[in-house]
């Protein structure tokens, strides 16, 4: 009797902390985004032209003919949007979008 299903809170799986109203939980996603990035999603990314331009330059440099380099370039460009006050995105949105793209790629494309 190891108490595997016990709800005493000392188990490895924090079931009480999972909020069904959380969009990541609702999507069935185990977020990799650290709490510091989640706090940044609340609007703590300053408008930073230098960081944004650097990320966009790297995105342009890595873009090539392969689908992988195009995907990496698109991800970097999307991350640069975090530093643009004109764009509306969050680390969670970027993560979910990238995860969705990777699942589609793994399946061999979108089935119609």
C-alpha atoms as a PDB file:
ATOM      1  CA  UNK A   1       0.000   0.000   0.000  1.00  0.00           C
ATOM      2  CA  UNK A   2       2.066   2.799  -1.307  1.00  0.00           C
ATOM      3  CA  UNK A   3      -0.677   5.433  -1.450  1.00  0.00           C
ATOM      4  CA  UNK A   4      -0.360   5.854  -5.220  1.00  0.00           C
ATOM      5  CA  UNK A   5      -3.859   7.280  -5.563  1.00  0.00           C
ATOM      6  CA  UNK A   6      -3.959   9.112  -2.268  1.00  0.00           C
ATOM      7  CA  UNK A   7      -4.911  12.767  -2.347  1.00  0.00           C
ATOM      8  CA  UNK A   8      -2.694  13.803   0.542  1.00  0.00           C
ATOM      9  CA  UNK A   9      -0.631  16.175  -1.609  1.00  0.00           C
ATOM     10  CA  UNK A  10       2.748  14.507  -1.145  1.00  0.00           C
ATOM     11  CA  UNK A  11       2.646  12.566  -4.433  1.00  0.00           C
ATOM     12  CA  UNK A  12       4.600  13.379  -7.563  1.00  0.00           C
ATOM     13  CA  UNK A  13       1.571  14.605  -9.519  1.00  0.00           C
ATOM     14  CA  UNK A  14       0.106  17.924  -8.309  1.00  0.00           C
ATOM     15  CA  UNK A  15      -3.472  17.206  -9.316  1.00  0.00           C
ATOM     16  CA  UNK A  16      -4.934  19.970  -7.157  1.00  0.00           C
ATOM     17  CA  UNK A  17      -2.951  22.682  -8.976  1.00  0.00           C
ATOM     18  CA  UNK A  18      -4.317  21.875 -12.446  1.00  0.00           C
ATOM     19  CA  UNK A  19      -6.909  24.502 -13.281  1.00  0.00           C
ATOM     20  CA  UNK A  20      -9.340  23.267 -15.979  1.00  0.00           C
ATOM     21  CA  UNK A  21      -9.934  26.900 -17.001  1.00  0.00           C
ATOM     22  CA  UNK A  22      -6.245  27.269 -17.908  1.00  0.00           C
ATOM     23  CA  UNK A  23      -5.889  27.257 -21.736  1.00  0.00           C
ATOM     24  CA  UNK A  24      -2.826  24.989 -21.643  1.00  0.00           C
ATOM     25  CA  UNK A  25      -4.634  22.462 -19.436  1.00  0.00           C
ATOM     26  CA  UNK A  26      -7.716  22.681 -21.648  1.00  0.00           C
ATOM     27  CA  UNK A  27      -5.531  21.921 -24.666  1.00  0.00           C
ATOM     28  CA  UNK A  28      -4.004  18.939 -22.859  1.00  0.00           C
ATOM     29  CA  UNK A  29      -0.569  20.543 -22.984  1.00  0.00           C
ATOM     30  CA  UNK A  30       2.142  20.062 -20.401  1.00  0.00           C
ATOM     31  CA  UNK A  31       3.686  23.536 -20.633  1.00  0.00           C
ATOM     32  CA  UNK A  32       7.430  23.880 -20.931  1.00  0.00           C
ATOM     33  CA  UNK A  33       7.201  27.645 -20.505  1.00  0.00           C
ATOM     34  CA  UNK A  34       8.804  28.660 -17.188  1.00  0.00           C
ATOM     35  CA  UNK A  35       6.872  30.828 -14.754  1.00  0.00           C
ATOM     36  CA  UNK A  36       9.113  33.794 -15.554  1.00  0.00           C
ATOM     37  CA  UNK A  37       8.009  33.622 -19.194  1.00  0.00           C
ATOM     38  CA  UNK A  38       4.393  33.236 -18.156  1.00  0.00           C
ATOM     39  CA  UNK A  39       4.750  36.422 -16.113  1.00  0.00           C
ATOM     40  CA  UNK A  40       6.225  38.095 -19.174  1.00  0.00           C
ATOM     41  CA  UNK A  41       3.134  37.081 -21.126  1.00  0.00           C
ATOM     42  CA  UNK A  42       1.177  39.390 -18.873  1.00  0.00           C
ATOM     43  CA  UNK A  43       2.809  42.312 -20.670  1.00  0.00           C
ATOM     44  CA  UNK A  44       6.281  42.396 -19.187  1.00  0.00           C
ATOM     45  CA  UNK A  45       8.091  42.219 -22.548  1.00  0.00           C
ATOM     46  CA  UNK A  46       9.299  45.755 -23.208  1.00  0.00           C
ATOM     47  CA  UNK A  47       9.186  47.188 -26.703  1.00  0.00           C
ATOM     48  CA  UNK A  48      12.819  46.641 -27.701  1.00  0.00           C
ATOM     49  CA  UNK A  49      13.867  47.520 -31.247  1.00  0.00           C
ATOM     50  CA  UNK A  50      17.381  46.121 -30.796  1.00  0.00           C
ATOM     51  CA  UNK A  51      16.267  42.677 -29.598  1.00  0.00           C
ATOM     52  CA  UNK A  52      13.487  42.511 -32.179  1.00  0.00           C
ATOM     53  CA  UNK A  53      15.825  43.393 -35.054  1.00  0.00           C
ATOM     54  CA  UNK A  54      18.496  40.962 -33.835  1.00  0.00           C
ATOM     55  CA  UNK A  55      15.995  38.092 -33.752  1.00  0.00           C
ATOM     56  CA  UNK A  56      14.687  39.010 -37.197  1.00  0.00           C
ATOM     57  CA  UNK A  57      18.227  39.144 -38.607  1.00  0.00           C
ATOM     58  CA  UNK A  58      18.961  35.690 -37.208  1.00  0.00           C
ATOM     59  CA  UNK A  59      15.649  34.477 -38.649  1.00  0.00           C
ATOM     60  CA  UNK A  60      16.681  35.767 -42.077  1.00  0.00           C
ATOM     61  CA  UNK A  61      20.142  34.176 -41.750  1.00  0.00           C
ATOM     62  CA  UNK A  62      18.869  30.698 -40.877  1.00  0.00           C
ATOM     63  CA  UNK A  63      16.119  30.658 -43.495  1.00  0.00           C
ATOM     64  CA  UNK A  64      17.042  28.318 -46.287  1.00  0.00           C
ATOM     65  CA  UNK A  65      15.433  25.921 -48.725  1.00  0.00           C
ATOM     66  CA  UNK A  66      14.646  23.134 -46.240  1.00  0.00           C
ATOM     67  CA  UNK A  67      11.328  23.045 -44.435  1.00  0.00           C
ATOM     68  CA  UNK A  68      13.182  22.844 -41.110  1.00  0.00           C
ATOM     69  CA  UNK A  69      15.123  26.048 -41.718  1.00  0.00           C
ATOM     70  CA  UNK A  70      11.941  27.799 -42.830  1.00  0.00           C
ATOM     71  CA  UNK A  71      10.176  26.635 -39.673  1.00  0.00           C
ATOM     72  CA  UNK A  72      13.023  27.783 -37.435  1.00  0.00           C
ATOM     73  CA  UNK A  73      13.057  31.125 -39.192  1.00  0.00           C
ATOM     74  CA  UNK A  74       9.304  31.513 -38.697  1.00  0.00           C
ATOM     75  CA  UNK A  75       9.610  30.638 -34.999  1.00  0.00           C
ATOM     76  CA  UNK A  76      12.382  33.191 -34.469  1.00  0.00           C
ATOM     77  CA  UNK A  77      10.398  35.831 -36.290  1.00  0.00           C
ATOM     78  CA  UNK A  78       7.347  35.047 -34.158  1.00  0.00           C
ATOM     79  CA  UNK A  79       9.439  35.294 -30.965  1.00  0.00           C
ATOM     80  CA  UNK A  80      10.642  38.699 -32.144  1.00  0.00           C
ATOM     81  CA  UNK A  81       6.993  39.791 -32.091  1.00  0.00           C
ATOM     82  CA  UNK A  82       7.141  39.609 -28.284  1.00  0.00           C
ATOM     83  CA  UNK A  83       9.331  42.721 -28.393  1.00  0.00           C
ATOM     84  CA  UNK A  84       7.011  44.654 -30.701  1.00  0.00           C
ATOM     85  CA  UNK A  85       4.261  46.668 -29.026  1.00  0.00           C
ATOM     86  CA  UNK A  86       2.229  46.514 -32.258  1.00  0.00           C
ATOM     87  CA  UNK A  87       1.997  42.697 -32.080  1.00  0.00           C
ATOM     88  CA  UNK A  88      -0.312  40.739 -29.787  1.00  0.00           C
ATOM     89  CA  UNK A  89       1.255  37.411 -28.780  1.00  0.00           C
ATOM     90  CA  UNK A  90       2.526  35.546 -25.743  1.00  0.00           C
ATOM     91  CA  UNK A  91       5.082  32.809 -25.095  1.00  0.00           C
ATOM     92  CA  UNK A  92       2.202  30.397 -24.537  1.00  0.00           C
ATOM     93  CA  UNK A  93       0.669  31.213 -27.919  1.00  0.00           C
ATOM     94  CA  UNK A  94       4.014  30.742 -29.640  1.00  0.00           C
ATOM     95  CA  UNK A  95       4.627  27.460 -27.826  1.00  0.00           C
ATOM     96  CA  UNK A  96       1.186  26.100 -28.703  1.00  0.00           C
ATOM     97  CA  UNK A  97       1.557  27.164 -32.330  1.00  0.00           C
ATOM     98  CA  UNK A  98       4.982  25.525 -32.660  1.00  0.00           C
ATOM     99  CA  UNK A  99       3.743  22.369 -30.942  1.00  0.00           C
ATOM    100  CA  UNK A 100       0.780  22.212 -33.329  1.00  0.00           C
ATOM    101  CA  UNK A 101       3.059  22.635 -36.350  1.00  0.00           C
ATOM    102  CA  UNK A 102       5.368  19.867 -35.114  1.00  0.00           C
ATOM    103  CA  UNK A 103       2.430  17.492 -34.620  1.00  0.00           C
ATOM    104  CA  UNK A 104       1.198  18.184 -38.156  1.00  0.00           C
ATOM    105  CA  UNK A 105       4.700  17.612 -39.526  1.00  0.00           C
ATOM    106  CA  UNK A 106       5.005  14.371 -37.554  1.00  0.00           C
ATOM    107  CA  UNK A 107       1.707  13.162 -39.033  1.00  0.00           C
ATOM    108  CA  UNK A 108       2.908  13.916 -42.529  1.00  0.00           C
ATOM    109  CA  UNK A 109       0.789  16.991 -43.144  1.00  0.00           C
ATOM    110  CA  UNK A 110      -2.735  18.219 -42.709  1.00  0.00           C
ATOM    111  CA  UNK A 111      -5.354  15.686 -43.740  1.00  0.00           C
ATOM    112  CA  UNK A 112      -8.210  17.237 -45.662  1.00  0.00           C
END
